[in-house]
Amino acid sequence: MPIIEEMTEDEPTGGGASSEGTSGSDRSNDTSTTGGPSGSSSTSQRHGTQAVCDHITAHKIDTALWLSRMFTVMCCIFFIIPIFGPSFTSSAYQRALICNGLTSALRLHQRLPRFQLNREFFGRMLLEDSCHYILYSLLFINSYPITLVLTPVLLYALLHACGYTKLLLNLHGETSLQFLRRLIDKLTTNQQQLFRFIALNEIIIMPCLIVMIFIGKCSLLLPFVYYRFLSLRYSSRRNPYCRVMFYEMRVVSENYSRQANCPGFLRSFITRGIAFLEKLAPPTQPSQS
């Protein structure tokens, strides 16, 4: 299955579509800065607090991303569990989206370090998943608080933070904090299901926004702009899960409409709905592995 952009070239986690490029790059950077075979050998044998500090010093951007994601997770938890009152809950919602946008902007800078004021650069920028989540944060930062909006933010930040945390634990010692290691491994084992859940959550937000228009909780323009975000996720080169979930939902709907006990009006509604969504679906590009 294609590699997911958000989980590539960030922090290392194990398994499947979430294998990340930074784990390899971090190790290669550690090796390249030692100055030779003897330096590489001494670095590989170093463990403990000093090794962690050296790694943090040598990889400041990755550490900043890790800290920002940990802060994002905390803000999401404080919004979901309002233990500090309604005013703090509202600010936690905005802080989570702001931090998610800043993290995505830093990731986008890593992907496209040289800014160019031309159409080709902006076209390549829109293909990056990090750019999609900058748009996502801007869409909802001033909107009515929606718990579903923070679900992708929370889960992606948690997955990335766990990957970098495991890297630091490995540097500290192979047997350090075994309980935390087991929790991270458990999360890594269920990454595929989490990615599918995130994609499904992003799809469900669209009808929720339409309903919120009629109850006065959402701007009339927001669903149209969110459709643009959803189309970018659908045509993502690195993240196939949005397309996968749309396909599986279509298969389930078509199978149900073919059953004998399906009412005629519902069968017609499903058929027309699928045809309408096919017209809205953007063209897809070949996925990157």
Protein backbone atom coordinates (compact mmCIF):
# COMPACT_ATOMS: atom_id res chain seq x y z
CA MET A 1 0.00 0.00 0.00
CA PRO A 2 1.33 3.50 -0.75
CA ILE A 3 3.17 5.38 1.96
CA ILE A 4 1.34 8.16 3.73
CA GLU A 5 2.91 11.57 3.49
CA GLU A 6 2.12 12.60 7.03
CA MET A 7 3.95 9.58 8.32
CA THR A 8 6.87 9.81 5.91
CA GLU A 9 10.08 11.67 6.51
CA ASP A 10 9.01 12.52 10.04
CA GLU A 11 9.56 10.20 12.95
CA PRO A 12 9.99 6.44 12.78
CA THR A 13 7.14 4.12 13.52
CA GLY A 14 6.87 0.53 12.51
CA GLY A 15 4.72 -1.21 9.99
CA GLY A 16 2.98 -0.85 6.65
CA ALA A 17 1.96 2.47 5.23
CA SER A 18 3.33 4.39 8.17
CA SER A 19 7.03 3.64 7.81
CA GLU A 20 8.75 6.98 8.00
CA GLY A 21 11.70 8.44 6.28
CA THR A 22 13.13 10.41 9.14
CA SER A 23 14.14 7.32 11.02
CA GLY A 24 16.47 6.44 8.21
CA SER A 25 17.57 10.02 7.67
CA ASP A 26 18.21 10.53 11.37
CA ARG A 27 20.37 7.46 11.51
CA SER A 28 22.22 8.48 8.37
CA ASN A 29 22.76 11.96 9.76
CA ASP A 30 24.06 10.51 12.99
CA THR A 31 26.49 8.37 11.04
CA SER A 32 27.59 11.12 8.70
CA THR A 33 28.46 13.52 11.51
CA THR A 34 30.79 11.16 13.29
CA GLY A 35 33.62 11.65 10.84
CA GLY A 36 34.48 8.03 10.08
CA PRO A 37 34.01 4.37 10.97
CA SER A 38 35.36 4.71 14.50
CA GLY A 39 33.04 7.67 15.18
CA SER A 40 30.07 5.76 13.81
CA SER A 41 30.84 2.79 16.06
CA SER A 42 31.11 4.96 19.15
CA THR A 43 27.83 6.74 18.31
CA SER A 44 25.93 3.49 17.83
CA GLN A 45 27.09 2.27 21.26
CA ARG A 46 26.15 5.43 23.11
CA HIS A 47 22.98 5.36 25.17
CA GLY A 48 21.49 7.34 28.00
CA THR A 49 20.48 10.91 28.65
CA GLN A 50 23.53 12.35 26.92
CA ALA A 51 22.72 10.50 23.69
CA VAL A 52 19.17 11.87 23.79
CA CYS A 53 20.45 15.41 24.37
CA ASP A 54 22.95 15.07 21.52
CA HIS A 55 20.22 13.87 19.16
CA ILE A 56 17.89 16.72 20.16
CA THR A 57 20.67 19.23 19.61
CA ALA A 58 21.51 17.79 16.21
CA HIS A 59 17.87 17.57 15.05
CA LYS A 60 16.24 20.75 16.27
CA ILE A 61 13.49 20.85 13.64
CA ASP A 62 12.40 17.29 14.31
CA THR A 63 12.39 18.02 18.03
CA ALA A 64 10.31 21.16 17.47
CA LEU A 65 7.82 19.10 15.46
CA TRP A 66 7.67 16.55 18.28
CA LEU A 67 7.02 19.23 20.91
CA SER A 68 4.37 20.93 18.79
CA ARG A 69 2.57 17.63 18.28
CA MET A 70 2.68 16.85 21.98
CA PHE A 71 1.16 20.28 22.66
CA THR A 72 -1.50 19.60 20.01
CA VAL A 73 -2.42 16.32 21.72
CA MET A 74 -2.73 18.09 25.07
CA CYS A 75 -4.96 20.83 23.63
CA CYS A 76 -7.23 18.25 21.97
CA ILE A 77 -7.55 16.31 25.23
CA PHE A 78 -8.39 19.49 27.16
CA PHE A 79 -11.12 20.29 24.61
CA ILE A 80 -12.62 16.79 24.67
CA ILE A 81 -12.42 16.61 28.48
CA PRO A 82 -13.41 20.13 29.68
CA ILE A 83 -11.81 20.01 33.11
CA PHE A 84 -10.78 23.70 33.16
CA GLY A 85 -14.06 25.37 32.26
CA PRO A 86 -15.75 26.50 29.02
CA SER A 87 -13.44 29.45 28.30
CA PHE A 88 -10.31 27.30 28.44
CA THR A 89 -12.05 24.62 26.38
CA SER A 90 -12.77 27.08 23.57
CA SER A 91 -9.20 28.37 23.58
CA ALA A 92 -7.86 24.79 23.59
CA TYR A 93 -9.82 24.11 20.38
CA GLN A 94 -8.25 27.10 18.63
CA ARG A 95 -4.78 26.37 20.01
CA ALA A 96 -4.93 22.81 18.73
CA LEU A 97 -5.77 24.00 15.21
CA ILE A 98 -3.16 26.77 15.32
CA CYS A 99 -0.47 24.34 16.44
CA ASN A 100 -1.56 21.84 13.80
CA GLY A 101 -1.28 24.54 11.14
CA LEU A 102 2.17 25.58 12.33
CA THR A 103 3.35 21.98 12.40
CA SER A 104 2.04 21.40 8.88
CA ALA A 105 3.72 24.60 7.71
CA LEU A 106 7.06 23.43 9.09
CA ARG A 107 6.60 20.03 7.45
CA LEU A 108 5.75 21.78 4.17
CA HIS A 109 8.93 23.82 4.47
CA GLN A 110 10.88 20.59 4.88
CA ARG A 111 9.22 19.16 1.78
CA LEU A 112 9.61 22.34 -0.31
CA PRO A 113 12.44 24.35 1.25
CA ARG A 114 12.93 26.80 -1.64
CA PHE A 115 9.99 29.15 -2.08
CA GLN A 116 9.31 30.27 -5.64
CA LEU A 117 6.71 32.77 -6.75
CA ASN A 118 5.38 30.89 -9.77
CA ARG A 119 2.48 28.69 -10.78
CA GLU A 120 4.54 25.48 -10.85
CA PHE A 121 5.63 25.88 -7.22
CA PHE A 122 2.08 26.51 -5.99
CA GLY A 123 0.91 23.51 -8.00
CA ARG A 124 3.49 21.29 -6.29
CA MET A 125 2.58 22.82 -2.93
CA LEU A 126 -1.08 21.85 -3.33
CA LEU A 127 -0.01 18.27 -3.95
CA GLU A 128 1.61 18.04 -0.51
CA ASP A 129 -0.49 16.62 2.30
CA SER A 130 1.00 19.14 4.73
CA CYS A 131 -0.53 21.95 2.66
CA HIS A 132 -3.92 20.25 2.89
CA TYR A 133 -3.84 20.38 6.68
CA ILE A 134 -2.78 24.02 6.71
CA LEU A 135 -5.99 24.67 4.77
CA TYR A 136 -7.85 22.39 7.18
CA SER A 137 -6.69 24.39 10.20
CA LEU A 138 -7.54 27.72 8.56
CA LEU A 139 -11.03 26.48 7.70
CA PHE A 140 -12.09 25.64 11.24
CA ILE A 141 -10.02 27.90 13.46
CA ASN A 142 -12.79 30.52 13.71
CA SER A 143 -15.77 28.23 13.22
CA TYR A 144 -18.13 26.77 15.79
CA PRO A 145 -16.19 24.12 17.78
CA ILE A 146 -16.73 20.65 16.31
CA THR A 147 -15.26 17.61 18.06
CA LEU A 148 -15.02 15.68 14.78
CA VAL A 149 -12.70 18.36 13.41
CA LEU A 150 -10.09 17.62 16.07
CA THR A 151 -10.13 13.86 15.51
CA PRO A 152 -7.68 13.83 12.55
CA VAL A 153 -5.56 16.49 14.28
CA LEU A 154 -5.36 14.46 17.49
CA LEU A 155 -4.66 11.09 15.89
CA TYR A 156 -2.02 12.31 13.43
CA ALA A 157 -0.25 14.29 16.14
CA LEU A 158 -0.35 11.29 18.47
CA LEU A 159 1.01 8.89 15.85
CA HIS A 160 3.87 11.21 14.92
CA ALA A 161 4.71 12.03 18.53
CA CYS A 162 4.78 8.34 19.43
CA GLY A 163 7.15 7.62 16.56
CA TYR A 164 9.67 10.23 17.68
CA THR A 165 9.21 9.26 21.33
CA LYS A 166 10.18 5.69 20.49
CA LEU A 167 13.28 6.97 18.70
CA LEU A 168 14.31 8.89 21.84
CA LEU A 169 13.62 5.83 23.98
CA ASN A 170 15.86 3.74 21.76
CA LEU A 171 18.61 6.32 22.16
CA HIS A 172 18.14 6.35 25.92
CA GLY A 173 18.35 2.57 26.16
CA GLU A 174 16.74 -0.51 24.69
CA THR A 175 15.12 -1.44 28.02
CA SER A 176 14.04 1.99 29.22
CA LEU A 177 10.35 2.67 30.00
CA GLN A 178 9.01 -0.68 28.80
CA PHE A 179 5.43 0.25 29.69
CA LEU A 180 5.55 3.28 27.39
CA ARG A 181 7.17 1.17 24.67
CA ARG A 182 4.33 -1.34 24.85
CA LEU A 183 1.76 1.43 24.50
CA ILE A 184 3.56 2.84 21.47
CA ASP A 185 3.85 -0.62 19.92
CA LYS A 186 0.14 -1.20 20.48
CA LEU A 187 -0.65 2.07 18.75
CA THR A 188 1.71 1.22 15.90
CA THR A 189 0.05 -2.16 15.42
CA ASN A 190 -3.32 -0.45 14.86
CA GLN A 191 -2.03 2.30 12.57
CA GLN A 192 -3.87 1.03 9.50
CA GLN A 193 -7.20 1.07 11.33
CA LEU A 194 -6.47 4.56 12.67
CA PHE A 195 -5.69 5.88 9.19
CA ARG A 196 -8.95 4.43 7.91
CA PHE A 197 -10.83 5.98 10.81
CA ILE A 198 -9.24 9.38 10.12
CA ALA A 199 -10.25 9.21 6.45
CA LEU A 200 -13.81 8.19 7.37
CA ASN A 201 -13.97 11.03 9.89
CA GLU A 202 -12.91 13.56 7.24
CA ILE A 203 -15.67 12.29 4.94
CA ILE A 204 -18.34 12.44 7.66
CA ILE A 205 -17.51 16.06 8.44
CA MET A 206 -18.97 17.11 5.07
CA PRO A 207 -22.62 16.10 5.76
CA CYS A 208 -22.23 17.43 9.30
CA LEU A 209 -21.36 20.86 7.90
CA ILE A 210 -24.41 20.78 5.64
CA VAL A 211 -26.64 20.01 8.62
CA MET A 212 -24.99 22.76 10.66
CA ILE A 213 -25.92 25.31 7.99
CA PHE A 214 -29.64 24.72 8.68
CA ILE A 215 -29.21 25.09 12.45
CA GLY A 216 -27.16 28.27 12.10
CA LYS A 217 -23.85 26.88 13.38
CA CYS A 218 -21.90 27.05 10.14
CA SER A 219 -21.16 29.54 7.38
CA LEU A 220 -22.75 28.90 3.99
CA LEU A 221 -19.32 29.11 2.36
CA LEU A 222 -17.62 26.55 4.61
CA PRO A 223 -18.96 23.35 2.96
CA PHE A 224 -17.81 24.55 -0.47
CA VAL A 225 -14.30 25.28 0.78
CA TYR A 226 -14.25 21.99 2.69
CA TYR A 227 -15.18 20.20 -0.51
CA ARG A 228 -11.94 21.54 -1.97
CA PHE A 229 -10.02 20.11 1.00
CA LEU A 230 -11.78 16.77 0.65
CA SER A 231 -11.01 16.64 -3.07
CA LEU A 232 -7.34 17.28 -2.29
CA ARG A 233 -7.35 14.41 0.19
CA TYR A 234 -9.08 12.17 -2.36
CA SER A 235 -6.45 12.86 -5.01
CA SER A 236 -3.50 12.66 -2.60
CA ARG A 237 -0.45 10.94 -4.06
CA ARG A 238 0.76 9.57 -0.73
CA ASN A 239 -2.37 8.88 1.29
CA PRO A 240 -4.76 6.36 -0.32
CA TYR A 241 -7.14 5.97 2.59
CA CYS A 242 -9.67 8.61 1.56
CA ARG A 243 -10.11 6.90 -1.81
CA VAL A 244 -10.23 3.50 -0.12
CA MET A 245 -13.00 4.56 2.25
CA PHE A 246 -15.05 6.14 -0.55
CA TYR A 247 -14.70 2.93 -2.55
CA GLU A 248 -15.69 0.71 0.38
CA MET A 249 -18.69 2.90 1.19
CA ARG A 250 -19.77 2.68 -2.45
CA VAL A 251 -19.44 -1.12 -2.47
CA VAL A 252 -21.49 -1.46 0.73
CA SER A 253 -24.18 0.89 -0.59
CA GLU A 254 -24.42 -0.87 -3.95
CA ASN A 255 -24.63 -4.29 -2.31
CA TYR A 256 -27.44 -3.11 -0.06
CA SER A 257 -29.34 -1.53 -2.96
CA ARG A 258 -29.27 -4.86 -4.83
CA GLN A 259 -30.92 -6.74 -1.99
CA ALA A 260 -34.54 -7.75 -2.47
CA ASN A 261 -35.69 -6.16 0.81
CA CYS A 262 -34.29 -2.73 -0.14
CA PRO A 263 -37.19 -0.27 -0.74
CA GLY A 264 -37.47 1.10 -4.26
CA PHE A 265 -37.18 4.75 -3.27
CA LEU A 266 -34.04 4.01 -1.22
CA ARG A 267 -32.51 2.05 -4.10
CA SER A 268 -33.13 4.98 -6.41
CA PHE A 269 -31.71 7.42 -3.85
CA ILE A 270 -28.52 5.35 -3.45
CA THR A 271 -28.04 5.04 -7.20
CA ARG A 272 -28.49 8.76 -7.81
CA GLY A 273 -26.29 9.61 -4.83
CA ILE A 274 -23.44 7.45 -6.13
CA ALA A 275 -23.75 8.97 -9.60
CA PHE A 276 -23.70 12.47 -8.12
CA LEU A 277 -20.60 11.77 -6.04
CA GLU A 278 -18.84 10.26 -9.07
CA LYS A 279 -19.30 13.58 -10.88
CA LEU A 280 -17.77 15.45 -7.93
CA ALA A 281 -14.80 13.10 -7.58
CA PRO A 282 -11.56 14.76 -8.76
CA PRO A 283 -9.09 12.95 -11.05
CA THR A 284 -6.50 10.96 -9.16
CA GLN A 285 -2.77 10.74 -9.76
CA PRO A 286 -0.60 7.64 -9.42
CA SER A 287 0.20 6.95 -5.77
CA GLN A 288 3.78 7.20 -4.55
CA SER A 289 5.29 4.28 -2.69
